[in-house]
Amino acid sequence: MRRFSQRSALVTLSEINITPLLDLAFVLLIIFVITTPLLEQSLNLKLPQGGQPDKPLDKRDIKTVEVSPQGTYMLDKQKMGIDELEANLKRDFAANKNIVVYIRADESSRWKDVAAVMNRCQRNGITRISPRMEPPK
């Protein structure tokens, strides 16, 4: 039998095991792939069919207003009332005249809630309003 010497125990490891590192990288990749689509939409809405593909816009010029079937308003994923929504849109329009307001409303939303958003936008000089719909299949 051969005995291991003290000298062989002090030899440094010249190769690094990268398997745990790859496992971590793949887990992070899977997490980001799953969570990224969820960050895009805050309300679960069923949009009506129709419309055409969008022309490219600067992301800073887009303000998204969502209207739920219950009449809840959200501006860029923040829940608020119609008066607060109007104040925020007015402030944003004063800072940036190129604002486009996207209105995402569930197909079963009340028309008066959608019309209220459009009316408040037009009252404050925001004329670039785009109702969002599902593209035709």
N, C-alpha and C. Protein backbone atom coordinates (compact mmCIF):
# COMPACT_ATOMS: atom_id res chain seq x y z
N MET A 1 0.83 -1.18 0.00
CA MET A 1 0.00 0.00 0.00
C MET A 1 0.86 1.24 0.00
N ARG A 2 0.34 2.20 -0.68
CA ARG A 2 1.08 3.45 -0.80
C ARG A 2 0.48 4.49 0.12
N ARG A 3 1.29 5.16 0.81
CA ARG A 3 0.82 6.23 1.71
C ARG A 3 0.91 7.56 1.01
N PHE A 4 -0.10 8.36 1.24
CA PHE A 4 -0.08 9.71 0.66
C PHE A 4 0.83 10.59 1.50
N SER A 5 1.65 11.30 0.83
CA SER A 5 2.58 12.14 1.55
C SER A 5 1.95 13.50 1.86
N GLN A 6 2.57 14.17 2.74
CA GLN A 6 2.12 15.52 3.12
C GLN A 6 2.26 16.46 1.93
N ARG A 7 3.19 16.21 1.08
CA ARG A 7 3.46 17.08 -0.05
C ARG A 7 2.31 17.08 -1.06
N SER A 8 1.72 15.94 -1.33
CA SER A 8 0.63 15.87 -2.30
C SER A 8 -0.63 16.57 -1.78
N ALA A 9 -0.79 16.68 -0.50
CA ALA A 9 -1.96 17.35 0.07
C ALA A 9 -1.87 18.85 -0.10
N LEU A 10 -0.65 19.38 -0.26
CA LEU A 10 -0.47 20.82 -0.39
C LEU A 10 -0.52 21.30 -1.84
N VAL A 11 -0.65 20.39 -2.78
CA VAL A 11 -0.68 20.77 -4.19
C VAL A 11 -2.00 21.50 -4.46
N THR A 12 -1.90 22.63 -5.11
CA THR A 12 -3.11 23.40 -5.39
C THR A 12 -3.89 22.78 -6.53
N LEU A 13 -5.16 23.01 -6.51
CA LEU A 13 -6.05 22.49 -7.54
C LEU A 13 -5.92 23.36 -8.78
N SER A 14 -5.55 22.78 -9.89
CA SER A 14 -5.32 23.58 -11.09
C SER A 14 -6.57 23.70 -11.97
N GLU A 15 -7.60 22.95 -11.70
CA GLU A 15 -8.83 23.03 -12.48
C GLU A 15 -9.99 23.43 -11.57
N ILE A 16 -10.85 24.30 -12.10
CA ILE A 16 -12.02 24.74 -11.34
C ILE A 16 -13.25 24.03 -11.90
N ASN A 17 -14.07 23.51 -11.02
CA ASN A 17 -15.30 22.85 -11.44
C ASN A 17 -16.35 23.92 -11.75
N ILE A 18 -16.74 24.07 -13.00
CA ILE A 18 -17.68 25.14 -13.37
C ILE A 18 -19.13 24.65 -13.46
N THR A 19 -19.38 23.41 -13.13
CA THR A 19 -20.75 22.88 -13.19
C THR A 19 -21.71 23.67 -12.30
N PRO A 20 -21.39 23.97 -11.04
CA PRO A 20 -22.33 24.77 -10.24
C PRO A 20 -22.56 26.16 -10.82
N LEU A 21 -21.53 26.73 -11.41
CA LEU A 21 -21.68 28.05 -12.02
C LEU A 21 -22.63 28.00 -13.22
N LEU A 22 -22.52 26.97 -14.03
CA LEU A 22 -23.43 26.82 -15.17
C LEU A 22 -24.86 26.57 -14.71
N ASP A 23 -25.02 25.77 -13.66
CA ASP A 23 -26.35 25.53 -13.11
C ASP A 23 -26.99 26.84 -12.66
N LEU A 24 -26.24 27.66 -11.98
CA LEU A 24 -26.74 28.96 -11.53
C LEU A 24 -27.11 29.85 -12.71
N ALA A 25 -26.28 29.87 -13.74
CA ALA A 25 -26.56 30.69 -14.92
C ALA A 25 -27.84 30.25 -15.61
N PHE A 26 -28.04 28.95 -15.75
CA PHE A 26 -29.26 28.46 -16.39
C PHE A 26 -30.50 28.74 -15.56
N VAL A 27 -30.41 28.63 -14.25
CA VAL A 27 -31.55 28.95 -13.38
C VAL A 27 -31.92 30.42 -13.50
N LEU A 28 -30.92 31.31 -13.50
CA LEU A 28 -31.19 32.74 -13.65
C LEU A 28 -31.80 33.05 -15.02
N LEU A 29 -31.31 32.39 -16.05
CA LEU A 29 -31.86 32.58 -17.39
C LEU A 29 -33.33 32.18 -17.44
N ILE A 30 -33.66 31.05 -16.86
CA ILE A 30 -35.05 30.58 -16.84
C ILE A 30 -35.92 31.56 -16.05
N ILE A 31 -35.45 32.05 -14.93
CA ILE A 31 -36.23 33.00 -14.12
C ILE A 31 -36.51 34.27 -14.92
N PHE A 32 -35.50 34.81 -15.61
CA PHE A 32 -35.70 36.03 -16.39
C PHE A 32 -36.63 35.79 -17.58
N VAL A 33 -36.54 34.65 -18.22
CA VAL A 33 -37.42 34.35 -19.35
C VAL A 33 -38.87 34.26 -18.90
N ILE A 34 -39.11 33.72 -17.72
CA ILE A 34 -40.48 33.57 -17.21
C ILE A 34 -41.03 34.90 -16.72
N THR A 35 -40.23 35.69 -16.01
CA THR A 35 -40.76 36.91 -15.39
C THR A 35 -40.84 38.11 -16.32
N THR A 36 -40.07 38.16 -17.39
CA THR A 36 -40.07 39.34 -18.27
C THR A 36 -41.44 39.61 -18.88
N PRO A 37 -42.17 38.63 -19.42
CA PRO A 37 -43.51 38.95 -19.96
C PRO A 37 -44.48 39.44 -18.90
N LEU A 38 -44.29 39.02 -17.65
CA LEU A 38 -45.20 39.45 -16.59
C LEU A 38 -45.00 40.92 -16.23
N LEU A 39 -43.82 41.46 -16.48
CA LEU A 39 -43.54 42.86 -16.17
C LEU A 39 -44.20 43.80 -17.18
N GLU A 40 -44.53 43.30 -18.35
CA GLU A 40 -45.07 44.13 -19.42
C GLU A 40 -46.51 44.59 -19.14
N GLN A 41 -47.32 43.74 -18.54
CA GLN A 41 -48.73 44.06 -18.33
C GLN A 41 -49.05 43.93 -16.86
N SER A 42 -49.80 44.89 -16.34
CA SER A 42 -50.11 44.85 -14.92
C SER A 42 -51.53 44.36 -14.66
N LEU A 43 -52.46 44.63 -15.54
CA LEU A 43 -53.83 44.14 -15.41
C LEU A 43 -54.05 43.03 -16.42
N ASN A 44 -54.78 42.01 -16.03
CA ASN A 44 -55.09 40.93 -16.94
C ASN A 44 -56.33 41.33 -17.74
N LEU A 45 -56.11 41.86 -18.95
CA LEU A 45 -57.19 42.37 -19.77
C LEU A 45 -57.33 41.55 -21.04
N LYS A 46 -58.56 41.42 -21.52
CA LYS A 46 -58.80 40.79 -22.80
C LYS A 46 -59.16 41.91 -23.78
N LEU A 47 -58.20 42.27 -24.64
CA LEU A 47 -58.38 43.39 -25.56
C LEU A 47 -59.25 42.98 -26.74
N PRO A 48 -60.03 43.92 -27.30
CA PRO A 48 -60.81 43.60 -28.49
C PRO A 48 -59.92 43.39 -29.70
N GLN A 49 -60.44 42.71 -30.72
CA GLN A 49 -59.69 42.42 -31.94
C GLN A 49 -59.68 43.64 -32.85
N GLY A 50 -58.65 43.77 -33.68
CA GLY A 50 -58.58 44.83 -34.67
C GLY A 50 -57.27 45.57 -34.60
N GLY A 51 -57.19 46.64 -35.39
CA GLY A 51 -56.01 47.49 -35.36
C GLY A 51 -54.95 47.07 -36.35
N GLN A 52 -53.90 47.87 -36.41
CA GLN A 52 -52.76 47.63 -37.29
C GLN A 52 -51.50 47.64 -36.45
N PRO A 53 -50.40 47.10 -36.99
CA PRO A 53 -49.13 47.15 -36.25
C PRO A 53 -48.70 48.60 -35.99
N ASP A 54 -48.01 48.80 -34.88
CA ASP A 54 -47.57 50.13 -34.47
C ASP A 54 -46.35 50.58 -35.24
N LYS A 55 -46.24 51.90 -35.38
CA LYS A 55 -45.00 52.50 -35.87
C LYS A 55 -44.08 52.64 -34.66
N PRO A 56 -42.77 52.54 -34.86
CA PRO A 56 -41.86 52.65 -33.71
C PRO A 56 -41.93 54.03 -33.05
N LEU A 57 -42.00 54.02 -31.71
CA LEU A 57 -42.03 55.25 -30.91
C LEU A 57 -40.95 55.15 -29.84
N ASP A 58 -40.57 56.31 -29.33
CA ASP A 58 -39.64 56.36 -28.22
C ASP A 58 -40.40 55.94 -26.95
N LYS A 59 -39.84 55.03 -26.18
CA LYS A 59 -40.51 54.51 -24.98
C LYS A 59 -40.83 55.61 -23.97
N ARG A 60 -40.02 56.68 -23.96
CA ARG A 60 -40.28 57.77 -22.99
C ARG A 60 -41.50 58.59 -23.37
N ASP A 61 -41.96 58.48 -24.62
CA ASP A 61 -43.11 59.25 -25.07
C ASP A 61 -44.43 58.53 -24.84
N ILE A 62 -44.39 57.28 -24.37
CA ILE A 62 -45.60 56.49 -24.23
C ILE A 62 -46.04 56.46 -22.77
N LYS A 63 -47.30 56.78 -22.55
CA LYS A 63 -47.94 56.65 -21.23
C LYS A 63 -49.10 55.67 -21.41
N THR A 64 -49.13 54.60 -20.64
CA THR A 64 -50.14 53.57 -20.77
C THR A 64 -51.17 53.71 -19.66
N VAL A 65 -52.44 53.88 -20.07
CA VAL A 65 -53.55 53.94 -19.13
C VAL A 65 -54.35 52.65 -19.31
N GLU A 66 -54.59 51.95 -18.22
CA GLU A 66 -55.35 50.71 -18.27
C GLU A 66 -56.66 50.90 -17.53
N VAL A 67 -57.73 50.35 -18.11
CA VAL A 67 -59.07 50.46 -17.53
C VAL A 67 -59.61 49.04 -17.35
N SER A 68 -59.90 48.68 -16.11
CA SER A 68 -60.41 47.34 -15.82
C SER A 68 -61.94 47.32 -16.01
N PRO A 69 -62.53 46.14 -16.09
CA PRO A 69 -63.99 46.07 -16.21
C PRO A 69 -64.72 46.70 -15.02
N GLN A 70 -64.06 46.75 -13.87
CA GLN A 70 -64.68 47.35 -12.67
C GLN A 70 -64.53 48.87 -12.62
N GLY A 71 -63.82 49.46 -13.59
CA GLY A 71 -63.64 50.92 -13.62
C GLY A 71 -62.40 51.38 -12.89
N THR A 72 -61.45 50.51 -12.65
CA THR A 72 -60.19 50.86 -11.99
C THR A 72 -59.22 51.40 -13.04
N TYR A 73 -58.56 52.50 -12.71
CA TYR A 73 -57.59 53.12 -13.62
C TYR A 73 -56.17 52.87 -13.13
N MET A 74 -55.27 52.61 -14.07
CA MET A 74 -53.86 52.47 -13.75
C MET A 74 -53.06 53.24 -14.79
N LEU A 75 -52.10 54.04 -14.33
CA LEU A 75 -51.20 54.77 -15.21
C LEU A 75 -49.81 54.23 -14.98
N ASP A 76 -49.23 53.61 -16.01
CA ASP A 76 -47.90 53.01 -15.92
C ASP A 76 -47.77 52.12 -14.68
N LYS A 77 -48.75 51.24 -14.50
CA LYS A 77 -48.77 50.21 -13.45
C LYS A 77 -49.02 50.76 -12.04
N GLN A 78 -49.53 51.99 -11.93
CA GLN A 78 -49.85 52.56 -10.62
C GLN A 78 -51.35 52.84 -10.58
N LYS A 79 -52.02 52.26 -9.61
CA LYS A 79 -53.46 52.42 -9.46
C LYS A 79 -53.78 53.81 -8.94
N MET A 80 -54.78 54.47 -9.57
CA MET A 80 -55.15 55.82 -9.15
C MET A 80 -56.56 56.14 -9.62
N GLY A 81 -57.13 57.21 -9.07
CA GLY A 81 -58.44 57.68 -9.48
C GLY A 81 -58.33 58.52 -10.74
N ILE A 82 -59.49 58.87 -11.32
CA ILE A 82 -59.51 59.61 -12.58
C ILE A 82 -58.93 61.01 -12.43
N ASP A 83 -59.16 61.66 -11.28
CA ASP A 83 -58.61 63.01 -11.08
C ASP A 83 -57.09 62.99 -10.95
N GLU A 84 -56.57 62.01 -10.23
CA GLU A 84 -55.12 61.87 -10.09
C GLU A 84 -54.49 61.48 -11.43
N LEU A 85 -55.20 60.65 -12.19
CA LEU A 85 -54.73 60.27 -13.52
C LEU A 85 -54.61 61.50 -14.41
N GLU A 86 -55.63 62.36 -14.38
CA GLU A 86 -55.60 63.58 -15.19
C GLU A 86 -54.45 64.49 -14.78
N ALA A 87 -54.23 64.64 -13.48
CA ALA A 87 -53.15 65.50 -12.99
C ALA A 87 -51.78 64.98 -13.44
N ASN A 88 -51.59 63.65 -13.37
CA ASN A 88 -50.31 63.07 -13.79
C ASN A 88 -50.09 63.22 -15.29
N LEU A 89 -51.14 62.98 -16.08
CA LEU A 89 -51.02 63.14 -17.54
C LEU A 89 -50.75 64.60 -17.91
N LYS A 90 -51.41 65.52 -17.22
CA LYS A 90 -51.20 66.95 -17.48
C LYS A 90 -49.76 67.35 -17.17
N ARG A 91 -49.23 66.87 -16.05
CA ARG A 91 -47.86 67.16 -15.66
C ARG A 91 -46.86 66.56 -16.67
N ASP A 92 -47.11 65.33 -17.08
CA ASP A 92 -46.22 64.68 -18.05
C ASP A 92 -46.28 65.37 -19.41
N PHE A 93 -47.46 65.82 -19.81
CA PHE A 93 -47.59 66.50 -21.10
C PHE A 93 -46.91 67.86 -21.08
N ALA A 94 -46.93 68.53 -19.92
CA ALA A 94 -46.23 69.82 -19.81
C ALA A 94 -44.72 69.62 -19.94
N ALA A 95 -44.21 68.48 -19.47
CA ALA A 95 -42.78 68.21 -19.56
C ALA A 95 -42.37 67.67 -20.93
N ASN A 96 -43.29 66.98 -21.62
CA ASN A 96 -42.97 66.35 -22.90
C ASN A 96 -44.19 66.45 -23.82
N LYS A 97 -44.11 67.28 -24.84
CA LYS A 97 -45.25 67.51 -25.74
C LYS A 97 -45.46 66.37 -26.74
N ASN A 98 -44.55 65.40 -26.79
CA ASN A 98 -44.67 64.29 -27.74
C ASN A 98 -45.35 63.06 -27.14
N ILE A 99 -46.03 63.22 -26.02
CA ILE A 99 -46.63 62.08 -25.33
C ILE A 99 -47.74 61.46 -26.18
N VAL A 100 -47.75 60.12 -26.19
CA VAL A 100 -48.83 59.34 -26.78
C VAL A 100 -49.44 58.53 -25.64
N VAL A 101 -50.75 58.64 -25.48
CA VAL A 101 -51.44 57.92 -24.41
C VAL A 101 -52.04 56.65 -25.00
N TYR A 102 -51.54 55.50 -24.54
CA TYR A 102 -52.12 54.22 -24.92
C TYR A 102 -53.21 53.90 -23.92
N ILE A 103 -54.39 53.58 -24.41
CA ILE A 103 -55.50 53.19 -23.55
C ILE A 103 -55.75 51.71 -23.75
N ARG A 104 -55.47 50.94 -22.71
CA ARG A 104 -55.74 49.51 -22.72
C ARG A 104 -56.97 49.28 -21.87
N ALA A 105 -58.08 48.91 -22.49
CA ALA A 105 -59.31 48.66 -21.76
C ALA A 105 -59.80 47.26 -22.08
N ASP A 106 -60.26 46.56 -21.06
CA ASP A 106 -60.83 45.24 -21.26
C ASP A 106 -62.04 45.36 -22.17
N GLU A 107 -62.27 44.33 -22.98
CA GLU A 107 -63.38 44.40 -23.93
C GLU A 107 -64.74 44.48 -23.23
N SER A 108 -64.80 44.11 -21.96
CA SER A 108 -66.06 44.21 -21.22
C SER A 108 -66.09 45.44 -20.31
N SER A 109 -65.13 46.36 -20.47
CA SER A 109 -65.13 47.60 -19.69
C SER A 109 -66.30 48.49 -20.10
N ARG A 110 -66.71 49.33 -19.18
CA ARG A 110 -67.78 50.28 -19.49
C ARG A 110 -67.23 51.39 -20.38
N TRP A 111 -68.00 51.76 -21.36
CA TRP A 111 -67.57 52.79 -22.30
C TRP A 111 -67.35 54.12 -21.59
N LYS A 112 -68.15 54.41 -20.57
CA LYS A 112 -68.01 55.71 -19.89
C LYS A 112 -66.65 55.84 -19.21
N ASP A 113 -66.05 54.74 -18.76
CA ASP A 113 -64.73 54.81 -18.13
C ASP A 113 -63.65 55.12 -19.16
N VAL A 114 -63.76 54.52 -20.35
CA VAL A 114 -62.80 54.79 -21.42
C VAL A 114 -62.99 56.21 -21.94
N ALA A 115 -64.24 56.62 -22.12
CA ALA A 115 -64.53 57.97 -22.61
C ALA A 115 -64.05 59.03 -21.62
N ALA A 116 -64.10 58.72 -20.33
CA ALA A 116 -63.63 59.68 -19.32
C ALA A 116 -62.13 59.93 -19.49
N VAL A 117 -61.36 58.88 -19.76
CA VAL A 117 -59.92 59.04 -19.97
C VAL A 117 -59.67 59.88 -21.22
N MET A 118 -60.37 59.56 -22.31
CA MET A 118 -60.19 60.30 -23.56
C MET A 118 -60.58 61.76 -23.39
N ASN A 119 -61.66 62.02 -22.68
CA ASN A 119 -62.13 63.39 -22.45
C ASN A 119 -61.11 64.19 -21.64
N ARG A 120 -60.56 63.57 -20.59
CA ARG A 120 -59.57 64.27 -19.76
C ARG A 120 -58.30 64.56 -20.55
N CYS A 121 -57.92 63.64 -21.43
CA CYS A 121 -56.73 63.88 -22.26
C CYS A 121 -56.98 65.06 -23.20
N GLN A 122 -58.09 65.05 -23.89
CA GLN A 122 -58.38 66.11 -24.85
C GLN A 122 -58.57 67.45 -24.16
N ARG A 123 -59.12 67.46 -22.99
CA ARG A 123 -59.32 68.69 -22.23
C ARG A 123 -57.98 69.36 -21.91
N ASN A 124 -56.93 68.55 -21.75
CA ASN A 124 -55.60 69.08 -21.41
C ASN A 124 -54.68 69.19 -22.61
N GLY A 125 -55.22 69.06 -23.82
CA GLY A 125 -54.43 69.26 -25.03
C GLY A 125 -53.69 68.03 -25.52
N ILE A 126 -53.92 66.89 -24.90
CA ILE A 126 -53.26 65.64 -25.33
C ILE A 126 -54.13 65.04 -26.44
N THR A 127 -53.66 65.16 -27.67
CA THR A 127 -54.46 64.70 -28.80
C THR A 127 -53.97 63.37 -29.36
N ARG A 128 -52.81 62.95 -28.98
CA ARG A 128 -52.27 61.68 -29.48
C ARG A 128 -52.70 60.56 -28.53
N ILE A 129 -53.86 59.98 -28.84
CA ILE A 129 -54.44 58.92 -28.02
C ILE A 129 -54.55 57.69 -28.91
N SER A 130 -54.14 56.55 -28.37
CA SER A 130 -54.16 55.31 -29.15
C SER A 130 -54.84 54.20 -28.36
N PRO A 131 -56.09 53.84 -28.71
CA PRO A 131 -56.70 52.69 -28.03
C PRO A 131 -56.00 51.41 -28.48
N ARG A 132 -55.68 50.55 -27.55
CA ARG A 132 -54.94 49.33 -27.84
C ARG A 132 -55.90 48.18 -28.08
N MET A 133 -55.60 47.36 -29.09
CA MET A 133 -56.40 46.19 -29.42
C MET A 133 -55.49 45.02 -29.75
N GLU A 134 -56.04 43.83 -29.69
CA GLU A 134 -55.31 42.65 -30.12
C GLU A 134 -55.24 42.64 -31.63
N PRO A 135 -54.07 42.38 -32.22
CA PRO A 135 -53.99 42.32 -33.68
C PRO A 135 -54.81 41.15 -34.21
N PRO A 136 -55.36 41.30 -35.42
CA PRO A 136 -56.16 40.20 -35.98
C PRO A 136 -55.28 38.96 -36.23
N LYS A 137 -55.90 37.82 -36.10
CA LYS A 137 -55.15 36.56 -36.27
C LYS A 137 -55.19 36.10 -37.69
